[in-house]
């Protein structure tokens, strides 16, 4: 409402229409909720939610389509964490921080210290029926949003040759490091696409290109941050859901929804789930 102390609905950006409701739930992330969705008059009531957290690291993703089945390519339905350390150093935090602090001009002159490598198609029992003779690989790492910031406002798919060249150079480096572990995939590539932090901003409405909402540094898990990031807010009828009020990832977002439901319904829905589980047939448990 006009006082900023009570949520009464959601205003549509396209036509200005207001959809009124007694309960408003935002799962858009704490930064989007406070900085973009809540009118300025109400933001001071939520400012404490931002004092203990910062946006997560920018994410870079490489999506590869491969020729061959999981069996032919010896792919496993697992996650691989690949670490590239400097000689004599095992301090991963320092290596990642050093990588992120590089200027764009020299950012890719040495290996990226951390890669997450997965083969999603190898985890899907129906993949071979739907896409015979094909496989997929996804590689994820972190990247400094400042390397890409100048293209943030540019139109998607029209960010220019310099952006495309840097993104390709980054993707090629990631793939070369991946091939160091899986060299037999070198001549199997049929599709190759790179997503940058500004890609995440466009498609995920993220802040700073983050893939997982709030940064998961030590400040994120202090008692003060835990109290500030709750489903209940200081704006009446406005509740928060999703990973930012619990922890990152699918499980974190699921539990964030559970906590939000508990706040809205004012009951312990986790206990309800435990009772339902206890009463379920063994096949469901």
C-alpha atoms as a PDB file:
ATOM      1  CA  UNK A   1       0.000   0.000   0.000  1.00  0.00           C
ATOM      2  CA  UNK A   2       1.020   3.658   0.006  1.00  0.00           C
ATOM      3  CA  UNK A   3       2.663   3.358   3.416  1.00  0.00           C
ATOM      4  CA  UNK A   4       4.996   0.603   2.224  1.00  0.00           C
ATOM      5  CA  UNK A   5       4.162  -1.459   5.301  1.00  0.00           C
ATOM      6  CA  UNK A   6       1.676  -3.892   3.740  1.00  0.00           C
ATOM      7  CA  UNK A   7       1.737  -5.913   0.500  1.00  0.00           C
ATOM      8  CA  UNK A   8      -1.592  -5.888  -1.317  1.00  0.00           C
ATOM      9  CA  UNK A   9      -0.772  -7.326  -4.725  1.00  0.00           C
ATOM     10  CA  UNK A  10       1.598  -7.561  -7.684  1.00  0.00           C
ATOM     11  CA  UNK A  11       1.807  -4.924 -10.414  1.00  0.00           C
ATOM     12  CA  UNK A  12       2.460  -6.236 -13.918  1.00  0.00           C
ATOM     13  CA  UNK A  13       5.275  -4.500 -15.791  1.00  0.00           C
ATOM     14  CA  UNK A  14       3.733  -4.853 -19.249  1.00  0.00           C
ATOM     15  CA  UNK A  15       0.326  -3.278 -18.729  1.00  0.00           C
ATOM     16  CA  UNK A  16       0.430  -1.879 -15.194  1.00  0.00           C
ATOM     17  CA  UNK A  17      -2.384  -4.161 -14.058  1.00  0.00           C
ATOM     18  CA  UNK A  18      -2.418  -4.931 -10.340  1.00  0.00           C
ATOM     19  CA  UNK A  19      -3.305  -8.469  -9.278  1.00  0.00           C
ATOM     20  CA  UNK A  20      -4.479  -8.201  -5.680  1.00  0.00           C
ATOM     21  CA  UNK A  21      -3.999 -10.965  -3.160  1.00  0.00           C
ATOM     22  CA  UNK A  22      -4.044 -11.467   0.602  1.00  0.00           C
ATOM     23  CA  UNK A  23      -0.662 -13.225   0.569  1.00  0.00           C
ATOM     24  CA  UNK A  24       2.307 -12.333  -1.640  1.00  0.00           C
ATOM     25  CA  UNK A  25       5.228 -14.762  -2.001  1.00  0.00           C
ATOM     26  CA  UNK A  26       8.467 -13.827  -3.745  1.00  0.00           C
ATOM     27  CA  UNK A  27      10.854 -16.553  -4.879  1.00  0.00           C
ATOM     28  CA  UNK A  28      12.763 -14.132  -7.116  1.00  0.00           C
ATOM     29  CA  UNK A  29      15.713 -13.867  -4.719  1.00  0.00           C
ATOM     30  CA  UNK A  30      16.377 -11.344  -1.983  1.00  0.00           C
ATOM     31  CA  UNK A  31      18.226  -8.862  -4.235  1.00  0.00           C
ATOM     32  CA  UNK A  32      15.535  -8.822  -6.922  1.00  0.00           C
ATOM     33  CA  UNK A  33      12.788  -8.618  -4.325  1.00  0.00           C
ATOM     34  CA  UNK A  34      14.262  -5.680  -2.432  1.00  0.00           C
ATOM     35  CA  UNK A  35      15.832  -3.737  -5.302  1.00  0.00           C
ATOM     36  CA  UNK A  36      13.390  -4.378  -8.145  1.00  0.00           C
ATOM     37  CA  UNK A  37      10.027  -5.661  -6.944  1.00  0.00           C
ATOM     38  CA  UNK A  38       9.266  -3.818  -3.701  1.00  0.00           C
ATOM     39  CA  UNK A  39       8.413  -0.113  -4.253  1.00  0.00           C
ATOM     40  CA  UNK A  40      10.983   2.313  -2.885  1.00  0.00           C
ATOM     41  CA  UNK A  41       8.699   3.350  -0.022  1.00  0.00           C
ATOM     42  CA  UNK A  42       8.858  -0.196   1.383  1.00  0.00           C
ATOM     43  CA  UNK A  43      12.550  -0.951   0.856  1.00  0.00           C
ATOM     44  CA  UNK A  44      13.803   0.460   4.183  1.00  0.00           C
ATOM     45  CA  UNK A  45      11.767  -2.208   5.962  1.00  0.00           C
ATOM     46  CA  UNK A  46      13.732  -4.932   4.136  1.00  0.00           C
ATOM     47  CA  UNK A  47      17.159  -3.301   4.128  1.00  0.00           C
ATOM     48  CA  UNK A  48      18.372  -5.407   7.053  1.00  0.00           C
ATOM     49  CA  UNK A  49      18.024  -8.476   4.834  1.00  0.00           C
ATOM     50  CA  UNK A  50      20.840  -7.187   2.616  1.00  0.00           C
ATOM     51  CA  UNK A  51      23.322  -6.039   5.244  1.00  0.00           C
ATOM     52  CA  UNK A  52      24.731  -9.523   5.857  1.00  0.00           C
ATOM     53  CA  UNK A  53      24.848 -10.897   2.303  1.00  0.00           C
ATOM     54  CA  UNK A  54      26.208 -10.109  -1.128  1.00  0.00           C
ATOM     55  CA  UNK A  55      25.485 -11.579  -4.569  1.00  0.00           C
ATOM     56  CA  UNK A  56      27.202 -14.859  -5.365  1.00  0.00           C
ATOM     57  CA  UNK A  57      30.041 -15.277  -7.820  1.00  0.00           C
ATOM     58  CA  UNK A  58      29.326 -14.926 -11.516  1.00  0.00           C
ATOM     59  CA  UNK A  59      28.765 -18.235 -13.250  1.00  0.00           C
ATOM     60  CA  UNK A  60      30.085 -19.479 -16.586  1.00  0.00           C
ATOM     61  CA  UNK A  61      28.538 -22.509 -18.286  1.00  0.00           C
ATOM     62  CA  UNK A  62      29.580 -24.507 -21.336  1.00  0.00           C
ATOM     63  CA  UNK A  63      27.050 -26.779 -23.014  1.00  0.00           C
ATOM     64  CA  UNK A  64      28.424 -29.451 -25.339  1.00  0.00           C
ATOM     65  CA  UNK A  65      26.537 -31.816 -27.605  1.00  0.00           C
ATOM     66  CA  UNK A  66      28.451 -35.018 -28.324  1.00  0.00           C
ATOM     67  CA  UNK A  67      28.191 -37.641 -31.041  1.00  0.00           C
ATOM     68  CA  UNK A  68      27.893 -41.101 -29.508  1.00  0.00           C
ATOM     69  CA  UNK A  69      26.045 -42.897 -26.751  1.00  0.00           C
ATOM     70  CA  UNK A  70      27.074 -42.888 -23.101  1.00  0.00           C
ATOM     71  CA  UNK A  71      28.397 -46.429 -23.543  1.00  0.00           C
ATOM     72  CA  UNK A  72      30.381 -45.578 -26.662  1.00  0.00           C
ATOM     73  CA  UNK A  73      31.868 -42.477 -25.034  1.00  0.00           C
ATOM     74  CA  UNK A  74      32.388 -44.138 -21.640  1.00  0.00           C
ATOM     75  CA  UNK A  75      30.378 -41.447 -19.880  1.00  0.00           C
ATOM     76  CA  UNK A  76      29.342 -41.821 -16.260  1.00  0.00           C
ATOM     77  CA  UNK A  77      26.277 -40.304 -14.625  1.00  0.00           C
ATOM     78  CA  UNK A  78      28.373 -38.539 -12.016  1.00  0.00           C
ATOM     79  CA  UNK A  79      29.658 -35.092 -11.092  1.00  0.00           C
ATOM     80  CA  UNK A  80      33.370 -34.387 -11.390  1.00  0.00           C
ATOM     81  CA  UNK A  81      35.055 -31.562  -9.493  1.00  0.00           C
ATOM     82  CA  UNK A  82      38.325 -30.756 -11.265  1.00  0.00           C
ATOM     83  CA  UNK A  83      40.884 -28.583  -9.482  1.00  0.00           C
ATOM     84  CA  UNK A  84      43.955 -27.037 -11.100  1.00  0.00           C
ATOM     85  CA  UNK A  85      46.464 -26.013  -8.459  1.00  0.00           C
ATOM     86  CA  UNK A  86      49.710 -24.128  -8.763  1.00  0.00           C
ATOM     87  CA  UNK A  87      52.903 -25.994  -7.987  1.00  0.00           C
ATOM     88  CA  UNK A  88      53.357 -26.129  -4.238  1.00  0.00           C
ATOM     89  CA  UNK A  89      49.926 -24.680  -3.450  1.00  0.00           C
ATOM     90  CA  UNK A  90      46.765 -26.418  -2.276  1.00  0.00           C
ATOM     91  CA  UNK A  91      44.897 -23.302  -1.126  1.00  0.00           C
ATOM     92  CA  UNK A  92      41.847 -23.421  -3.401  1.00  0.00           C
ATOM     93  CA  UNK A  93      40.311 -20.244  -1.962  1.00  0.00           C
ATOM     94  CA  UNK A  94      43.417 -18.210  -2.759  1.00  0.00           C
ATOM     95  CA  UNK A  95      43.661 -19.693  -6.253  1.00  0.00           C
ATOM     96  CA  UNK A  96      40.030 -18.868  -7.066  1.00  0.00           C
ATOM     97  CA  UNK A  97      40.355 -15.352  -5.632  1.00  0.00           C
ATOM     98  CA  UNK A  98      43.521 -14.782  -7.651  1.00  0.00           C
ATOM     99  CA  UNK A  99      41.802 -15.975 -10.821  1.00  0.00           C
ATOM    100  CA  UNK A 100      38.802 -13.705 -10.267  1.00  0.00           C
ATOM    101  CA  UNK A 101      41.031 -10.692  -9.619  1.00  0.00           C
ATOM    102  CA  UNK A 102      42.775 -10.971 -12.956  1.00  0.00           C
ATOM    103  CA  UNK A 103      42.003  -8.213 -15.477  1.00  0.00           C
ATOM    104  CA  UNK A 104      40.086  -9.348 -18.515  1.00  0.00           C
ATOM    105  CA  UNK A 105      43.129  -8.944 -20.755  1.00  0.00           C
ATOM    106  CA  UNK A 106      45.041 -11.654 -18.872  1.00  0.00           C
ATOM    107  CA  UNK A 107      42.177 -13.573 -17.261  1.00  0.00           C
ATOM    108  CA  UNK A 108      42.624 -16.596 -19.502  1.00  0.00           C
ATOM    109  CA  UNK A 109      46.407 -16.747 -19.683  1.00  0.00           C
ATOM    110  CA  UNK A 110      46.557 -19.611 -17.177  1.00  0.00           C
ATOM    111  CA  UNK A 111      44.203 -22.458 -16.223  1.00  0.00           C
ATOM    112  CA  UNK A 112      40.916 -21.864 -14.434  1.00  0.00           C
ATOM    113  CA  UNK A 113      41.362 -23.372 -10.945  1.00  0.00           C
ATOM    114  CA  UNK A 114      37.927 -24.953 -10.576  1.00  0.00           C
ATOM    115  CA  UNK A 115      35.596 -26.811 -12.957  1.00  0.00           C
ATOM    116  CA  UNK A 116      32.405 -28.754 -12.350  1.00  0.00           C
ATOM    117  CA  UNK A 117      31.933 -31.359 -15.096  1.00  0.00           C
ATOM    118  CA  UNK A 118      28.830 -33.443 -15.644  1.00  0.00           C
ATOM    119  CA  UNK A 119      27.204 -35.584 -18.340  1.00  0.00           C
ATOM    120  CA  UNK A 120      23.441 -35.015 -17.882  1.00  0.00           C
ATOM    121  CA  UNK A 121      22.392 -37.420 -20.635  1.00  0.00           C
ATOM    122  CA  UNK A 122      24.160 -40.284 -18.853  1.00  0.00           C
ATOM    123  CA  UNK A 123      21.880 -39.745 -15.849  1.00  0.00           C
ATOM    124  CA  UNK A 124      18.653 -39.935 -17.851  1.00  0.00           C
ATOM    125  CA  UNK A 125      17.392 -43.525 -18.266  1.00  0.00           C
ATOM    126  CA  UNK A 126      15.175 -42.507 -21.211  1.00  0.00           C
ATOM    127  CA  UNK A 127      17.733 -40.339 -23.015  1.00  0.00           C
ATOM    128  CA  UNK A 128      18.851 -43.046 -25.473  1.00  0.00           C
ATOM    129  CA  UNK A 129      15.249 -43.599 -26.583  1.00  0.00           C
ATOM    130  CA  UNK A 130      14.591 -39.912 -27.178  1.00  0.00           C
ATOM    131  CA  UNK A 131      17.997 -38.959 -28.609  1.00  0.00           C
ATOM    132  CA  UNK A 132      19.709 -42.072 -29.985  1.00  0.00           C
ATOM    133  CA  UNK A 133      23.410 -41.740 -30.706  1.00  0.00           C
ATOM    134  CA  UNK A 134      23.731 -38.421 -28.878  1.00  0.00           C
ATOM    135  CA  UNK A 135      25.129 -37.335 -25.500  1.00  0.00           C
ATOM    136  CA  UNK A 136      25.584 -34.108 -23.574  1.00  0.00           C
ATOM    137  CA  UNK A 137      28.217 -32.548 -21.343  1.00  0.00           C
ATOM    138  CA  UNK A 138      27.899 -29.497 -19.098  1.00  0.00           C
ATOM    139  CA  UNK A 139      30.884 -27.706 -17.558  1.00  0.00           C
ATOM    140  CA  UNK A 140      30.381 -24.946 -14.996  1.00  0.00           C
ATOM    141  CA  UNK A 141      32.849 -22.574 -13.348  1.00  0.00           C
ATOM    142  CA  UNK A 142      32.997 -19.063 -11.917  1.00  0.00           C
ATOM    143  CA  UNK A 143      33.884 -15.834 -13.672  1.00  0.00           C
ATOM    144  CA  UNK A 144      34.277 -12.186 -12.754  1.00  0.00           C
ATOM    145  CA  UNK A 145      31.170 -10.237 -13.709  1.00  0.00           C
ATOM    146  CA  UNK A 146      33.339  -7.162 -14.339  1.00  0.00           C
ATOM    147  CA  UNK A 147      34.875  -8.932 -17.340  1.00  0.00           C
ATOM    148  CA  UNK A 148      31.452  -8.795 -18.996  1.00  0.00           C
ATOM    149  CA  UNK A 149      29.808  -5.765 -17.386  1.00  0.00           C
ATOM    150  CA  UNK A 150      30.201  -3.469 -20.410  1.00  0.00           C
ATOM    151  CA  UNK A 151      27.850  -5.758 -22.367  1.00  0.00           C
ATOM    152  CA  UNK A 152      25.200  -6.056 -19.656  1.00  0.00           C
ATOM    153  CA  UNK A 153      22.737  -3.695 -21.343  1.00  0.00           C
ATOM    154  CA  UNK A 154      23.360  -4.939 -24.887  1.00  0.00           C
ATOM    155  CA  UNK A 155      20.648  -6.929 -26.642  1.00  0.00           C
ATOM    156  CA  UNK A 156      20.950 -10.684 -26.254  1.00  0.00           C
ATOM    157  CA  UNK A 157      22.517 -12.371 -29.293  1.00  0.00           C
ATOM    158  CA  UNK A 158      23.707  -8.923 -30.463  1.00  0.00           C
ATOM    159  CA  UNK A 159      26.471  -8.102 -27.982  1.00  0.00           C
ATOM    160  CA  UNK A 160      29.133  -7.715 -30.637  1.00  0.00           C
ATOM    161  CA  UNK A 161      32.281  -9.366 -31.933  1.00  0.00           C
ATOM    162  CA  UNK A 162      34.496  -8.515 -28.958  1.00  0.00           C
ATOM    163  CA  UNK A 163      32.049 -10.130 -26.520  1.00  0.00           C
ATOM    164  CA  UNK A 164      31.693 -13.230 -28.682  1.00  0.00           C
ATOM    165  CA  UNK A 165      35.474 -13.531 -29.087  1.00  0.00           C
ATOM    166  CA  UNK A 166      36.132 -13.323 -25.341  1.00  0.00           C
ATOM    167  CA  UNK A 167      33.316 -15.735 -24.557  1.00  0.00           C
ATOM    168  CA  UNK A 168      34.656 -18.192 -27.140  1.00  0.00           C
ATOM    169  CA  UNK A 169      38.184 -17.907 -25.739  1.00  0.00           C
ATOM    170  CA  UNK A 170      36.830 -18.626 -22.270  1.00  0.00           C
ATOM    171  CA  UNK A 171      34.788 -21.587 -23.485  1.00  0.00           C
ATOM    172  CA  UNK A 172      37.725 -23.013 -25.429  1.00  0.00           C
ATOM    173  CA  UNK A 173      39.946 -22.845 -22.336  1.00  0.00           C
ATOM    174  CA  UNK A 174      37.318 -24.616 -20.245  1.00  0.00           C
ATOM    175  CA  UNK A 175      36.953 -27.322 -22.885  1.00  0.00           C
ATOM    176  CA  UNK A 176      40.713 -27.824 -23.206  1.00  0.00           C
ATOM    177  CA  UNK A 177      40.933 -28.366 -19.467  1.00  0.00           C
ATOM    178  CA  UNK A 178      38.002 -30.779 -19.655  1.00  0.00           C
ATOM    179  CA  UNK A 179      39.702 -32.728 -22.440  1.00  0.00           C
ATOM    180  CA  UNK A 180      42.751 -33.143 -20.208  1.00  0.00           C
ATOM    181  CA  UNK A 181      40.525 -35.481 -18.198  1.00  0.00           C
ATOM    182  CA  UNK A 182      38.412 -36.854 -21.061  1.00  0.00           C
ATOM    183  CA  UNK A 183      40.698 -36.716 -24.136  1.00  0.00           C
ATOM    184  CA  UNK A 184      38.628 -39.229 -26.121  1.00  0.00           C
ATOM    185  CA  UNK A 185      35.852 -36.602 -26.492  1.00  0.00           C
ATOM    186  CA  UNK A 186      37.986 -34.207 -28.558  1.00  0.00           C
ATOM    187  CA  UNK A 187      36.567 -35.219 -31.950  1.00  0.00           C
ATOM    188  CA  UNK A 188      32.997 -35.899 -30.760  1.00  0.00           C
ATOM    189  CA  UNK A 189      31.723 -32.322 -30.450  1.00  0.00           C
ATOM    190  CA  UNK A 190      28.619 -31.482 -32.494  1.00  0.00           C
ATOM    191  CA  UNK A 191      27.311 -28.518 -30.504  1.00  0.00           C
ATOM    192  CA  UNK A 192      29.109 -25.957 -28.355  1.00  0.00           C
ATOM    193  CA  UNK A 193      27.579 -22.997 -26.520  1.00  0.00           C
ATOM    194  CA  UNK A 194      28.937 -20.773 -23.747  1.00  0.00           C
ATOM    195  CA  UNK A 195      26.874 -18.890 -21.189  1.00  0.00           C
ATOM    196  CA  UNK A 196      28.465 -15.908 -19.411  1.00  0.00           C
ATOM    197  CA  UNK A 197      27.469 -13.982 -16.272  1.00  0.00           C
ATOM    198  CA  UNK A 198      25.458 -11.543 -18.421  1.00  0.00           C
ATOM    199  CA  UNK A 199      23.722 -14.554 -19.953  1.00  0.00           C
ATOM    200  CA  UNK A 200      22.644 -15.503 -16.435  1.00  0.00           C
ATOM    201  CA  UNK A 201      21.409 -11.974 -15.796  1.00  0.00           C
ATOM    202  CA  UNK A 202      19.262 -12.093 -18.917  1.00  0.00           C
ATOM    203  CA  UNK A 203      17.761 -15.564 -18.591  1.00  0.00           C
ATOM    204  CA  UNK A 204      17.733 -15.953 -14.785  1.00  0.00           C
ATOM    205  CA  UNK A 205      17.263 -12.317 -13.740  1.00  0.00           C
ATOM    206  CA  UNK A 206      20.266 -12.833 -11.478  1.00  0.00           C
ATOM    207  CA  UNK A 207      22.433 -10.211  -9.801  1.00  0.00           C
ATOM    208  CA  UNK A 208      26.037  -9.969 -10.943  1.00  0.00           C
ATOM    209  CA  UNK A 209      25.670 -13.096 -13.054  1.00  0.00           C
ATOM    210  CA  UNK A 210      25.269 -15.320  -9.998  1.00  0.00           C
ATOM    211  CA  UNK A 211      23.720 -18.743 -10.491  1.00  0.00           C
ATOM    212  CA  UNK A 212      23.019 -19.435  -6.815  1.00  0.00           C
ATOM    213  CA  UNK A 213      21.648 -16.223  -5.330  1.00  0.00           C
ATOM    214  CA  UNK A 214      23.453 -14.965  -2.221  1.00  0.00           C
ATOM    215  CA  UNK A 215      27.139 -15.668  -1.870  1.00  0.00           C
ATOM    216  CA  UNK A 216      27.828 -18.558   0.495  1.00  0.00           C
ATOM    217  CA  UNK A 217      30.651 -16.933   2.432  1.00  0.00           C
ATOM    218  CA  UNK A 218      30.967 -17.091   6.219  1.00  0.00           C
ATOM    219  CA  UNK A 219      28.861 -13.964   6.698  1.00  0.00           C
ATOM    220  CA  UNK A 220      25.956 -15.716   4.996  1.00  0.00           C
ATOM    221  CA  UNK A 221      25.703 -18.214   7.871  1.00  0.00           C
ATOM    222  CA  UNK A 222      26.106 -15.967  10.886  1.00  0.00           C
ATOM    223  CA  UNK A 223      23.233 -15.872  13.404  1.00  0.00           C
ATOM    224  CA  UNK A 224      22.508 -12.291  12.324  1.00  0.00           C
ATOM    225  CA  UNK A 225      22.149 -13.275   8.665  1.00  0.00           C
ATOM    226  CA  UNK A 226      20.002 -16.262   9.570  1.00  0.00           C
ATOM    227  CA  UNK A 227      17.638 -14.030  11.518  1.00  0.00           C
ATOM    228  CA  UNK A 228      17.515 -11.408   8.754  1.00  0.00           C
ATOM    229  CA  UNK A 229      16.858 -13.894   5.921  1.00  0.00           C
ATOM    230  CA  UNK A 230      13.550 -15.411   6.919  1.00  0.00           C
ATOM    231  CA  UNK A 231      10.308 -16.185   5.133  1.00  0.00           C
ATOM    232  CA  UNK A 232       8.515 -13.596   7.227  1.00  0.00           C
ATOM    233  CA  UNK A 233       9.352 -10.003   6.351  1.00  0.00           C
ATOM    234  CA  UNK A 234       8.764  -6.625   7.964  1.00  0.00           C
ATOM    235  CA  UNK A 235       6.194  -5.923   5.258  1.00  0.00           C
ATOM    236  CA  UNK A 236       2.869  -7.431   6.239  1.00  0.00           C
ATOM    237  CA  UNK A 237       1.587 -10.155   3.863  1.00  0.00           C
ATOM    238  CA  UNK A 238       4.923 -10.383   2.009  1.00  0.00           C
ATOM    239  CA  UNK A 239       6.844 -13.645   2.347  1.00  0.00           C
ATOM    240  CA  UNK A 240      10.130 -14.856   0.874  1.00  0.00           C
ATOM    241  CA  UNK A 241      10.765 -18.296  -0.564  1.00  0.00           C
ATOM    242  CA  UNK A 242      13.549 -20.050  -2.451  1.00  0.00           C
ATOM    243  CA  UNK A 243      17.229 -20.668  -1.886  1.00  0.00           C
ATOM    244  CA  UNK A 244      18.154 -17.281  -0.425  1.00  0.00           C
ATOM    245  CA  UNK A 245      16.350 -17.983   2.836  1.00  0.00           C
ATOM    246  CA  UNK A 246      18.012 -21.366   3.346  1.00  0.00           C
ATOM    247  CA  UNK A 247      20.926 -22.468   1.180  1.00  0.00           C
ATOM    248  CA  UNK A 248      21.744 -22.759  -2.503  1.00  0.00           C
ATOM    249  CA  UNK A 249      20.676 -25.367  -5.010  1.00  0.00           C
ATOM    250  CA  UNK A 250      17.627 -27.532  -5.591  1.00  0.00           C
ATOM    251  CA  UNK A 251      17.431 -28.870  -2.047  1.00  0.00           C
ATOM    252  CA  UNK A 252      17.927 -25.397  -0.566  1.00  0.00           C
ATOM    253  CA  UNK A 253      15.165 -23.932  -2.719  1.00  0.00           C
ATOM    254  CA  UNK A 254      12.851 -26.814  -1.788  1.00  0.00           C
ATOM    255  CA  UNK A 255      13.370 -26.263   1.915  1.00  0.00           C
ATOM    256  CA  UNK A 256      13.003 -22.514   1.379  1.00  0.00           C
ATOM    257  CA  UNK A 257       9.549 -23.236  -0.019  1.00  0.00           C
ATOM    258  CA  UNK A 258       8.794 -25.479   2.932  1.00  0.00           C
ATOM    259  CA  UNK A 259       9.749 -22.763   5.420  1.00  0.00           C
ATOM    260  CA  UNK A 260       7.702 -20.208   3.496  1.00  0.00           C
ATOM    261  CA  UNK A 261       4.632 -22.461   3.567  1.00  0.00           C
ATOM    262  CA  UNK A 262       5.100 -22.888   7.309  1.00  0.00           C
ATOM    263  CA  UNK A 263       5.211 -19.116   7.784  1.00  0.00           C
ATOM    264  CA  UNK A 264       2.124 -18.482   5.668  1.00  0.00           C
ATOM    265  CA  UNK A 265       0.094 -21.306   7.250  1.00  0.00           C
ATOM    266  CA  UNK A 266       1.522 -20.680  10.720  1.00  0.00           C
ATOM    267  CA  UNK A 267       2.109 -24.356  11.356  1.00  0.00           C
ATOM    268  CA  UNK A 268       4.966 -26.827  11.349  1.00  0.00           C
ATOM    269  CA  UNK A 269       4.581 -28.287   7.862  1.00  0.00           C
ATOM    270  CA  UNK A 270       7.855 -30.210   8.231  1.00  0.00           C
ATOM    271  CA  UNK A 271       6.236 -32.195  11.048  1.00  0.00           C
ATOM    272  CA  UNK A 272       3.236 -32.713   8.759  1.00  0.00           C
ATOM    273  CA  UNK A 273       5.525 -34.197   6.105  1.00  0.00           C
ATOM    274  CA  UNK A 274       7.158 -36.506   8.635  1.00  0.00           C
ATOM    275  CA  UNK A 275       3.756 -37.759   9.728  1.00  0.00           C
ATOM    276  CA  UNK A 276       2.723 -38.326   6.121  1.00  0.00           C
ATOM    277  CA  UNK A 277       5.945 -40.210   5.463  1.00  0.00           C
ATOM    278  CA  UNK A 278       5.420 -42.397   8.515  1.00  0.00           C
ATOM    279  CA  UNK A 279       1.896 -43.252   7.346  1.00  0.00           C
ATOM    280  CA  UNK A 280       2.933 -43.940   3.725  1.00  0.00           C
ATOM    281  CA  UNK A 281       3.316 -47.450   2.250  1.00  0.00           C
ATOM    282  CA  UNK A 282       6.906 -48.781   2.284  1.00  0.00           C
ATOM    283  CA  UNK A 283       7.163 -48.407  -1.505  1.00  0.00           C
ATOM    284  CA  UNK A 284       6.726 -44.620  -1.200  1.00  0.00           C
ATOM    285  CA  UNK A 285       9.160 -44.212   1.685  1.00  0.00           C
END
